Amino acid sequence: MRKITLIAACLLIFGACCSVKKAEIGDPLPEWKPGCFDVHQISTGRGNVALMVLPDATTMMVDMGDLGPNRQTKKEIMPVMPNASKTPAQWAAQYISRILKEVGRDKVDFALITHFDTDHVGAYFMKDSVLTKSGFAEIEDLIHIEKLVDRGHTYPDAETLKKRANSLVAHHLEYLEYRDSKGLKYETFVVGSDEQFRLLNSPHKYPDFKIQNIYANGKLWTGKGLETIDLVPGEGEEKLANEKKMNENRNSCTIKISYGDFDYHNGGDIQGLKPEKPDQWLNIEKSVAEFIKEVDVAVANHHSFSDAMFEPFLELTNPQVCIIPVWDYYHPQPRPLNNMLRAGISEKERDIYSAGLVKANRTRLADDGAKIHPSGHVVLRVYKGGKEFQIFVLDDTTTEIPTIIYKSDIYTSRN
């Protein structure tokens, strides 16, 4: 655990931004205050969902997954958290609505779907002979989402995408038509943009806050304007064949958020590749890491499954903290967990947090599993100006307001 710095001590004494001194185990999370940047990685047991409250109270969601009922009873899959009396979208809406009320907002300003897998966008399924929606399409009936952004629907081509995602994309397009009929905004993710997701309320107060679009659909930002490089090699038929090797995970939208000295990365389900494998251009997480370099907090790529969080990514980004969104017994796998704990660092092991965890997996992971902090809703709070941040873990088993079950010391941002 890191020693609390002098500035953090002042926060504790004088009760400045975000009421750090009141954050005790068993208490609710102290309310967000202007100037703070919060990321709530919400544990529903059924897929990724995060809510961000930006420094000026602009709000943003990243993903709203739901595996659907077809995988509900498999023992290696987490149950719905906190229980099955509501759907994941209903539990997420309850959590998000409470935070929106606390920050004085009545809507989510932006939502990003990183890619078209059910654990990130939701599922469509038949129930009592009726087509039932989950994930984003379901939460839309419960929370107002002003602008929705996804990776687009034509890469590698519309036919391949529809086959790969089964009927999901077709239903998603119907959902977008519904949003359009309501006058709600939709955009395709623009690699290189730092305007697609932005502060809406008081941007002039926080000029050093930025959400940068880094990568999607094989295109990586160069750092200049909207210029990109294509990571998929070849021309003509070879190019088309290589594009079809890009599975849905490797097409994920990735973002980097910077606030003063603080940096955060969410890469959806981008994957790496073992160094002995051919087609090293498919090592998307390494290419992204070579560009973004060091960050303070990284959301684990592809839930830290066996095809992600390889050593090069961690050595290049060298996060102080990794956060794992969990819904499966295999989140995380042993090798990625070992890498997250140790790759690129020599003095101490990296801090690992998980939004949910299958208890049997913690046991399977033995000593390394015991090093994952208590699981639950993981809340990252970056304090005003971005010089310091803290992690809180909230109880994901309660149907009421979740309380703190773990809190870190204050981390100092490095960049």
Protein backbone atom coordinates (compact mmCIF):
# COMPACT_ATOMS: atom_id res chain seq x y z
CA MET A 1 0.00 0.00 0.00
CA ARG A 2 1.28 3.46 -0.84
CA LYS A 3 1.95 6.06 1.80
CA ILE A 4 -0.49 8.92 1.80
CA THR A 5 1.20 11.96 0.35
CA LEU A 6 1.25 15.40 1.91
CA ILE A 7 -1.49 16.67 -0.38
CA ALA A 8 -3.67 13.70 0.44
CA ALA A 9 -3.11 14.33 4.12
CA CYS A 10 -4.35 17.86 3.62
CA LEU A 11 -7.46 16.44 1.95
CA LEU A 12 -8.04 14.25 4.98
CA ILE A 13 -7.58 17.12 7.42
CA PHE A 14 -9.58 19.78 5.64
CA GLY A 15 -12.18 17.56 3.97
CA ALA A 16 -11.60 19.00 0.53
CA CYS A 17 -12.78 17.46 -2.71
CA CYS A 18 -14.84 14.28 -2.40
CA SER A 19 -14.87 14.08 1.40
CA VAL A 20 -12.03 11.59 1.69
CA LYS A 21 -12.01 11.76 5.47
CA LYS A 22 -15.56 10.32 5.66
CA ALA A 23 -14.79 7.24 3.57
CA GLU A 24 -14.82 4.42 6.11
CA ILE A 25 -15.49 0.70 5.69
CA GLY A 26 -19.23 0.13 5.97
CA ASP A 27 -20.13 3.64 4.81
CA PRO A 28 -21.65 4.54 1.45
CA LEU A 29 -19.26 6.00 -1.10
CA PRO A 30 -18.80 9.74 -0.42
CA GLU A 31 -20.70 11.76 -2.98
CA TRP A 32 -18.92 13.01 -6.07
CA LYS A 33 -17.84 16.67 -5.95
CA PRO A 34 -17.04 19.01 -8.87
CA GLY A 35 -13.50 18.52 -10.13
CA CYS A 36 -13.42 14.81 -9.39
CA PHE A 37 -13.46 12.12 -12.08
CA ASP A 38 -15.21 8.89 -11.09
CA VAL A 39 -15.39 5.56 -12.92
CA HIS A 40 -17.85 3.00 -11.54
CA GLN A 41 -17.08 -0.48 -12.89
CA ILE A 42 -20.42 -2.03 -11.95
CA SER A 43 -20.63 -5.71 -11.06
CA THR A 44 -23.75 -7.36 -12.50
CA GLY A 45 -22.22 -10.82 -13.01
CA ARG A 46 -23.37 -10.85 -16.65
CA GLY A 47 -21.11 -8.49 -18.59
CA ASN A 48 -19.33 -5.15 -18.71
CA VAL A 49 -20.93 -1.89 -17.66
CA ALA A 50 -19.22 1.25 -16.43
CA LEU A 51 -20.50 4.70 -15.53
CA MET A 52 -18.20 7.71 -15.60
CA VAL A 53 -18.83 11.04 -13.93
CA LEU A 54 -16.48 13.58 -15.49
CA PRO A 55 -15.10 16.59 -13.57
CA ASP A 56 -17.95 18.91 -14.62
CA ALA A 57 -20.71 16.29 -14.07
CA THR A 58 -20.89 15.23 -17.71
CA THR A 59 -21.78 11.52 -17.63
CA MET A 60 -20.76 8.61 -19.82
CA MET A 61 -21.40 4.86 -19.95
CA VAL A 62 -19.05 2.29 -21.45
CA ASP A 63 -20.87 -0.93 -22.45
CA MET A 64 -24.00 -2.54 -20.98
CA GLY A 65 -23.60 -6.26 -21.36
CA ASP A 66 -25.95 -9.14 -20.65
CA LEU A 67 -25.20 -12.71 -21.68
CA GLY A 68 -28.88 -13.58 -21.85
CA PRO A 69 -30.66 -16.60 -20.36
CA ASN A 70 -29.00 -19.23 -22.54
CA ARG A 71 -25.90 -19.12 -20.31
CA GLN A 72 -27.71 -18.42 -17.04
CA THR A 73 -27.34 -21.88 -15.50
CA LYS A 74 -23.77 -22.76 -16.43
CA LYS A 75 -21.83 -23.17 -13.21
CA GLU A 76 -18.72 -21.41 -14.49
CA ILE A 77 -20.74 -18.24 -15.17
CA MET A 78 -21.43 -15.73 -12.39
CA PRO A 79 -25.05 -15.35 -11.27
CA VAL A 80 -26.84 -12.05 -11.72
CA MET A 81 -25.63 -9.70 -9.00
CA PRO A 82 -26.94 -8.98 -6.43
CA ASN A 83 -29.67 -11.52 -7.28
CA ALA A 84 -31.94 -12.67 -10.09
CA SER A 85 -35.01 -10.69 -8.99
CA LYS A 86 -34.07 -8.10 -11.62
CA THR A 87 -32.19 -8.20 -14.90
CA PRO A 88 -28.61 -6.89 -15.17
CA ALA A 89 -29.91 -3.78 -16.97
CA GLN A 90 -32.44 -3.15 -14.20
CA TRP A 91 -29.77 -3.47 -11.49
CA ALA A 92 -27.40 -1.26 -13.49
CA ALA A 93 -30.17 1.31 -14.00
CA GLN A 94 -30.85 1.37 -10.27
CA TYR A 95 -27.16 1.97 -9.55
CA ILE A 96 -26.72 4.56 -12.31
CA SER A 97 -29.94 6.44 -11.47
CA ARG A 98 -28.74 6.89 -7.90
CA ILE A 99 -25.41 8.33 -9.05
CA LEU A 100 -27.11 10.62 -11.59
CA LYS A 101 -29.33 12.00 -8.84
CA GLU A 102 -26.32 12.59 -6.58
CA VAL A 103 -24.54 14.63 -9.25
CA GLY A 104 -27.65 16.55 -10.27
CA ARG A 105 -28.16 14.96 -13.67
CA ASP A 106 -31.21 13.33 -15.25
CA LYS A 107 -29.53 11.56 -18.17
CA VAL A 108 -26.39 9.86 -19.44
CA ASP A 109 -24.75 12.23 -21.91
CA PHE A 110 -22.65 9.68 -23.82
CA ALA A 111 -22.55 5.90 -24.15
CA LEU A 112 -19.89 3.85 -25.92
CA ILE A 113 -20.41 0.29 -27.11
CA THR A 114 -16.86 -1.04 -27.48
CA HIS A 115 -17.90 -3.94 -29.75
CA PHE A 116 -20.74 -6.32 -30.63
CA ASP A 117 -20.49 -9.15 -28.13
CA THR A 118 -23.41 -9.87 -25.83
CA ASP A 119 -21.35 -9.26 -22.68
CA HIS A 120 -20.80 -5.69 -23.90
CA VAL A 121 -23.98 -4.74 -25.77
CA GLY A 122 -26.61 -7.22 -24.54
CA ALA A 123 -28.55 -10.07 -26.09
CA TYR A 124 -31.87 -10.58 -27.89
CA PHE A 125 -33.74 -13.80 -27.18
CA MET A 126 -37.18 -15.39 -27.32
CA LYS A 127 -39.11 -15.55 -24.06
CA ASP A 128 -42.69 -16.85 -24.04
CA SER A 129 -42.70 -16.51 -27.84
CA VAL A 130 -41.80 -12.83 -27.56
CA LEU A 131 -38.50 -11.27 -28.67
CA THR A 132 -36.92 -9.95 -25.49
CA LYS A 133 -34.12 -7.38 -25.37
CA SER A 134 -31.40 -6.93 -22.79
CA GLY A 135 -28.32 -4.78 -22.27
CA PHE A 136 -28.36 -1.35 -23.93
CA ALA A 137 -31.71 -1.83 -25.63
CA GLU A 138 -33.28 -2.68 -22.26
CA ILE A 139 -31.63 0.02 -20.17
CA GLU A 140 -32.74 2.58 -22.77
CA ASP A 141 -36.27 2.18 -21.37
CA LEU A 142 -35.00 2.96 -17.88
CA ILE A 143 -32.38 5.68 -18.36
CA HIS A 144 -32.17 8.46 -20.94
CA ILE A 145 -29.00 8.12 -23.04
CA GLU A 146 -28.44 11.23 -25.13
CA LYS A 147 -25.74 10.05 -27.57
CA LEU A 148 -24.75 6.48 -28.42
CA VAL A 149 -21.51 5.61 -30.18
CA ASP A 150 -20.40 2.24 -31.56
CA ARG A 151 -17.74 0.98 -33.97
CA GLY A 152 -20.04 1.08 -36.99
CA HIS A 153 -21.71 -1.76 -38.88
CA THR A 154 -19.71 -2.19 -42.08
CA TYR A 155 -16.30 -3.56 -40.97
CA PRO A 156 -14.92 -5.84 -42.22
CA ASP A 157 -18.11 -5.80 -44.29
CA ALA A 158 -21.79 -5.77 -43.40
CA GLU A 159 -22.40 -9.41 -44.40
CA THR A 160 -19.45 -10.80 -42.43
CA LEU A 161 -20.37 -8.73 -39.39
CA LYS A 162 -23.95 -9.95 -39.39
CA LYS A 163 -22.84 -13.58 -39.73
CA ARG A 164 -20.24 -13.21 -37.00
CA ALA A 165 -22.60 -11.58 -34.53
CA ASN A 166 -25.52 -13.82 -35.50
CA SER A 167 -28.74 -11.79 -35.27
CA LEU A 168 -27.32 -9.35 -32.72
CA VAL A 169 -26.28 -6.67 -35.21
CA ALA A 170 -29.59 -6.82 -37.09
CA HIS A 171 -31.48 -6.26 -33.84
CA HIS A 172 -29.01 -3.55 -32.84
CA LEU A 173 -29.75 -1.69 -36.08
CA GLU A 174 -33.46 -1.87 -35.24
CA TYR A 175 -32.62 -0.43 -31.83
CA LEU A 176 -30.76 2.45 -33.49
CA GLU A 177 -33.79 3.11 -35.70
CA TYR A 178 -35.91 3.30 -32.53
CA ARG A 179 -33.47 5.81 -31.05
CA ASP A 180 -33.58 7.85 -34.24
CA SER A 181 -37.39 7.94 -34.11
CA LYS A 182 -37.05 9.48 -30.64
CA GLY A 183 -34.63 12.14 -31.87
CA LEU A 184 -31.70 10.62 -29.98
CA LYS A 185 -28.17 10.87 -31.33
CA TYR A 186 -26.02 8.12 -32.81
CA GLU A 187 -22.47 8.33 -34.15
CA THR A 188 -19.81 5.94 -35.40
CA PHE A 189 -16.64 5.94 -33.30
CA VAL A 190 -14.03 8.25 -34.86
CA VAL A 191 -10.44 7.12 -34.27
CA GLY A 192 -8.28 10.12 -33.40
CA SER A 193 -11.12 12.32 -32.15
CA ASP A 194 -10.96 14.03 -28.77
CA GLU A 195 -14.29 15.78 -29.33
CA GLN A 196 -16.68 12.81 -29.60
CA PHE A 197 -16.75 12.44 -25.81
CA ARG A 198 -16.12 15.75 -24.08
CA LEU A 199 -16.98 17.94 -21.13
CA LEU A 200 -20.35 19.60 -21.73
CA ASN A 201 -21.00 21.72 -18.66
CA SER A 202 -17.87 23.62 -17.62
CA PRO A 203 -15.07 22.59 -20.01
CA HIS A 204 -13.17 25.85 -19.40
CA LYS A 205 -12.63 24.86 -15.76
CA TYR A 206 -10.83 21.63 -16.66
CA PRO A 207 -8.67 22.28 -19.73
CA ASP A 208 -6.38 19.34 -18.90
CA PHE A 209 -9.17 16.74 -19.11
CA LYS A 210 -9.49 14.82 -22.38
CA ILE A 211 -11.02 11.61 -23.74
CA GLN A 212 -8.97 10.48 -26.70
CA ASN A 213 -10.22 7.87 -29.19
CA ILE A 214 -7.24 5.59 -29.87
CA TYR A 215 -8.19 2.55 -31.94
CA ALA A 216 -11.02 0.60 -33.62
CA ASN A 217 -11.56 -1.67 -36.62
CA GLY A 218 -7.86 -2.19 -37.33
CA LYS A 219 -7.13 1.57 -37.40
CA LEU A 220 -4.72 3.11 -34.86
CA TRP A 221 -4.37 6.85 -34.29
CA THR A 222 -0.99 8.33 -35.27
CA GLY A 223 -1.22 11.25 -32.84
CA LYS A 224 -1.85 13.78 -35.63
CA GLY A 225 -5.35 15.14 -36.23
CA LEU A 226 -7.59 12.30 -37.37
CA GLU A 227 -4.74 10.49 -39.15
CA THR A 228 -4.62 6.72 -38.65
CA ILE A 229 -2.50 3.77 -39.67
CA ASP A 230 -4.02 0.49 -40.82
CA LEU A 231 -2.70 -2.43 -38.77
CA VAL A 232 -4.18 -4.97 -41.19
CA PRO A 233 -1.61 -5.74 -43.91
CA GLY A 234 -2.04 -6.62 -47.57
CA GLU A 235 -3.91 -5.40 -50.62
CA GLY A 236 -6.82 -6.70 -52.65
CA GLU A 237 -7.87 -10.26 -51.85
CA GLU A 238 -5.09 -10.65 -49.26
CA LYS A 239 -6.35 -7.55 -47.46
CA LEU A 240 -9.93 -8.83 -47.42
CA ALA A 241 -8.78 -12.21 -46.09
CA ASN A 242 -6.76 -10.55 -43.32
CA GLU A 243 -9.65 -8.29 -42.35
CA LYS A 244 -11.77 -11.39 -41.78
CA LYS A 245 -9.12 -12.66 -39.35
CA MET A 246 -9.99 -9.66 -37.20
CA ASN A 247 -12.49 -11.19 -34.79
CA GLU A 248 -15.00 -8.98 -33.00
CA ASN A 249 -12.75 -8.53 -29.98
CA ARG A 250 -9.86 -7.20 -32.03
CA ASN A 251 -12.12 -4.54 -33.53
CA SER A 252 -12.98 -3.06 -30.11
CA CYS A 253 -13.05 0.71 -29.66
CA THR A 254 -10.34 1.86 -27.25
CA ILE A 255 -10.06 5.13 -25.36
CA LYS A 256 -7.47 6.87 -23.22
CA ILE A 257 -8.62 9.41 -20.66
CA SER A 258 -6.17 11.99 -19.34
CA TYR A 259 -6.72 14.39 -16.45
CA GLY A 260 -3.64 16.37 -15.53
CA ASP A 261 -0.99 13.81 -14.58
CA PHE A 262 -3.49 10.93 -14.55
CA ASP A 263 -4.06 8.48 -17.45
CA TYR A 264 -6.63 5.69 -17.85
CA HIS A 265 -7.13 3.12 -20.61
CA ASN A 266 -10.15 1.04 -21.57
CA GLY A 267 -9.59 -1.20 -24.58
CA GLY A 268 -12.73 -3.31 -24.53
CA ASP A 269 -11.77 -6.83 -25.55
CA ILE A 270 -8.66 -6.17 -27.66
CA GLN A 271 -6.38 -9.19 -27.68
CA GLY A 272 -2.68 -9.95 -27.76
CA LEU A 273 -0.72 -12.81 -29.30
CA LYS A 274 2.02 -15.17 -28.18
CA PRO A 275 5.36 -14.10 -29.70
CA GLU A 276 5.87 -17.44 -31.45
CA LYS A 277 2.56 -17.20 -33.33
CA PRO A 278 2.38 -16.08 -36.99
CA ASP A 279 0.51 -12.95 -38.08
CA GLN A 280 1.96 -10.79 -35.31
CA TRP A 281 0.00 -7.85 -36.71
CA LEU A 282 -2.97 -9.43 -34.87
CA ASN A 283 -1.30 -8.44 -31.57
CA ILE A 284 -3.59 -5.43 -31.25
CA GLU A 285 -2.99 -4.78 -27.56
CA LYS A 286 0.76 -4.46 -28.17
CA SER A 287 0.25 -1.95 -31.00
CA VAL A 288 -2.10 0.08 -28.81
CA ALA A 289 0.35 -0.05 -25.89
CA GLU A 290 3.25 1.10 -28.06
CA PHE A 291 1.21 4.21 -28.83
CA ILE A 292 -0.43 5.09 -25.49
CA LYS A 293 2.60 4.16 -23.34
CA GLU A 294 2.30 4.53 -19.56
CA VAL A 295 -1.06 4.82 -17.83
CA ASP A 296 -2.03 4.83 -14.17
CA VAL A 297 -5.10 2.59 -14.44
CA ALA A 298 -5.92 0.00 -17.09
CA VAL A 299 -9.13 -1.96 -17.50
CA ALA A 300 -7.98 -5.51 -18.24
CA ASN A 301 -8.23 -6.31 -21.95
CA HIS A 302 -10.71 -9.12 -22.69
CA HIS A 303 -11.39 -9.68 -18.99
CA SER A 304 -7.76 -10.92 -18.61
CA PHE A 305 -8.63 -14.12 -20.47
CA SER A 306 -5.79 -16.26 -21.83
CA ASP A 307 -5.57 -14.31 -25.12
CA ALA A 308 -4.90 -10.90 -23.54
CA MET A 309 -2.78 -9.00 -21.01
CA PHE A 310 0.50 -10.33 -22.36
CA GLU A 311 3.80 -9.04 -20.99
CA PRO A 312 4.49 -6.44 -23.75
CA PHE A 313 1.21 -4.63 -23.07
CA LEU A 314 1.90 -4.44 -19.34
CA GLU A 315 5.57 -3.55 -19.73
CA LEU A 316 4.71 -0.68 -22.08
CA THR A 317 1.69 0.69 -20.21
CA ASN A 318 2.96 -0.20 -16.71
CA PRO A 319 -0.31 0.63 -14.90
CA GLN A 320 -0.31 1.06 -11.14
CA VAL A 321 -3.75 -0.57 -11.04
CA CYS A 322 -5.59 -3.11 -13.20
CA ILE A 323 -9.37 -3.50 -13.01
CA ILE A 324 -10.93 -6.76 -14.27
CA PRO A 325 -14.59 -6.85 -15.37
CA VAL A 326 -15.66 -10.41 -14.50
CA TRP A 327 -18.54 -12.70 -15.45
CA ASP A 328 -16.79 -16.03 -16.02
CA TYR A 329 -14.80 -18.62 -14.06
CA TYR A 330 -11.89 -17.93 -16.43
CA HIS A 331 -11.66 -14.22 -15.59
CA PRO A 332 -8.78 -13.96 -14.92
CA GLN A 333 -6.68 -16.83 -16.21
CA PRO A 334 -3.41 -17.71 -14.38
CA ARG A 335 -0.92 -16.34 -16.93
CA PRO A 336 -2.61 -12.96 -17.42
CA LEU A 337 -2.98 -12.58 -13.65
CA ASN A 338 0.71 -13.36 -13.15
CA ASN A 339 1.55 -10.76 -15.79
CA MET A 340 -0.72 -8.15 -14.25
CA LEU A 341 0.85 -8.67 -10.85
CA ARG A 342 4.47 -8.63 -11.98
CA ALA A 343 5.21 -7.73 -15.63
CA GLY A 344 7.28 -4.59 -16.02
CA ILE A 345 7.79 -3.95 -12.31
CA SER A 346 10.40 -5.13 -9.86
CA GLU A 347 9.80 -3.41 -6.53
CA LYS A 348 6.30 -4.61 -5.64
CA GLU A 349 3.36 -6.39 -7.17
CA ARG A 350 0.73 -4.41 -9.05
CA ASP A 351 -2.67 -3.83 -7.42
CA ILE A 352 -5.49 -5.87 -8.99
CA TYR A 353 -9.20 -5.20 -8.50
CA SER A 354 -12.12 -7.16 -9.93
CA ALA A 355 -15.72 -6.14 -10.58
CA GLY A 356 -17.14 -9.47 -9.47
CA LEU A 357 -15.28 -12.76 -9.13
CA VAL A 358 -16.18 -16.44 -9.25
CA LYS A 359 -15.12 -17.72 -5.81
CA ALA A 360 -13.93 -21.05 -7.21
CA ASN A 361 -11.59 -19.17 -9.54
CA ARG A 362 -9.96 -17.27 -6.68
CA THR A 363 -9.31 -20.68 -5.08
CA ARG A 364 -8.00 -22.12 -8.37
CA LEU A 365 -5.59 -19.20 -8.72
CA ALA A 366 -4.10 -20.07 -5.32
CA ASP A 367 -1.62 -17.52 -3.92
CA ASP A 368 -2.07 -15.14 -6.85
CA GLY A 369 -5.84 -15.35 -6.51
CA ALA A 370 -5.55 -14.25 -2.89
CA LYS A 371 -3.75 -11.10 -4.07
CA ILE A 372 -6.82 -9.82 -5.94
CA HIS A 373 -8.46 -7.27 -3.65
CA PRO A 374 -12.01 -8.03 -2.40
CA SER A 375 -14.39 -8.04 -5.36
CA GLY A 376 -17.49 -5.92 -5.90
CA HIS A 377 -18.37 -2.69 -7.67
CA VAL A 378 -14.97 -1.09 -8.28
CA VAL A 379 -14.95 2.72 -8.10
CA LEU A 380 -11.99 4.73 -9.33
CA ARG A 381 -11.99 8.27 -7.95
CA VAL A 382 -9.49 10.72 -9.41
CA TYR A 383 -9.20 13.79 -7.25
CA LYS A 384 -9.41 17.35 -8.52
CA GLY A 385 -6.58 18.19 -10.89
CA GLY A 386 -5.63 14.54 -11.50
CA LYS A 387 -2.58 14.39 -9.25
CA GLU A 388 -4.01 11.67 -7.02
CA PHE A 389 -6.55 8.88 -7.14
CA GLN A 390 -8.09 6.19 -4.97
CA ILE A 391 -9.95 2.91 -5.42
CA PHE A 392 -13.07 1.92 -3.48
CA VAL A 393 -14.74 -1.49 -3.65
CA LEU A 394 -18.46 -1.51 -2.89
CA ASP A 395 -20.63 -4.44 -1.82
CA ASP A 396 -22.22 -6.01 -4.91
CA THR A 397 -24.43 -8.41 -2.90
CA THR A 398 -26.84 -5.79 -1.52
CA THR A 399 -30.06 -4.64 -3.16
CA GLU A 400 -29.83 -1.32 -1.33
CA ILE A 401 -27.20 1.44 -1.46
CA PRO A 402 -23.86 -0.42 -1.61
CA THR A 403 -21.34 0.30 1.12
CA ILE A 404 -17.55 0.30 1.12
CA ILE A 405 -15.93 -3.08 1.75
CA TYR A 406 -12.40 -2.01 0.79
CA LYS A 407 -10.58 1.27 0.16
CA SER A 408 -7.03 1.81 -1.05
CA ASP A 409 -4.57 4.36 0.16
CA ILE A 410 -4.04 7.37 -2.08
CA TYR A 411 -2.11 6.71 -5.29
CA THR A 412 0.00 9.45 -6.87
CA SER A 413 -0.42 9.87 -10.62
CA ARG A 414 2.89 9.53 -12.43
CA ASN A 415 2.87 11.38 -15.74
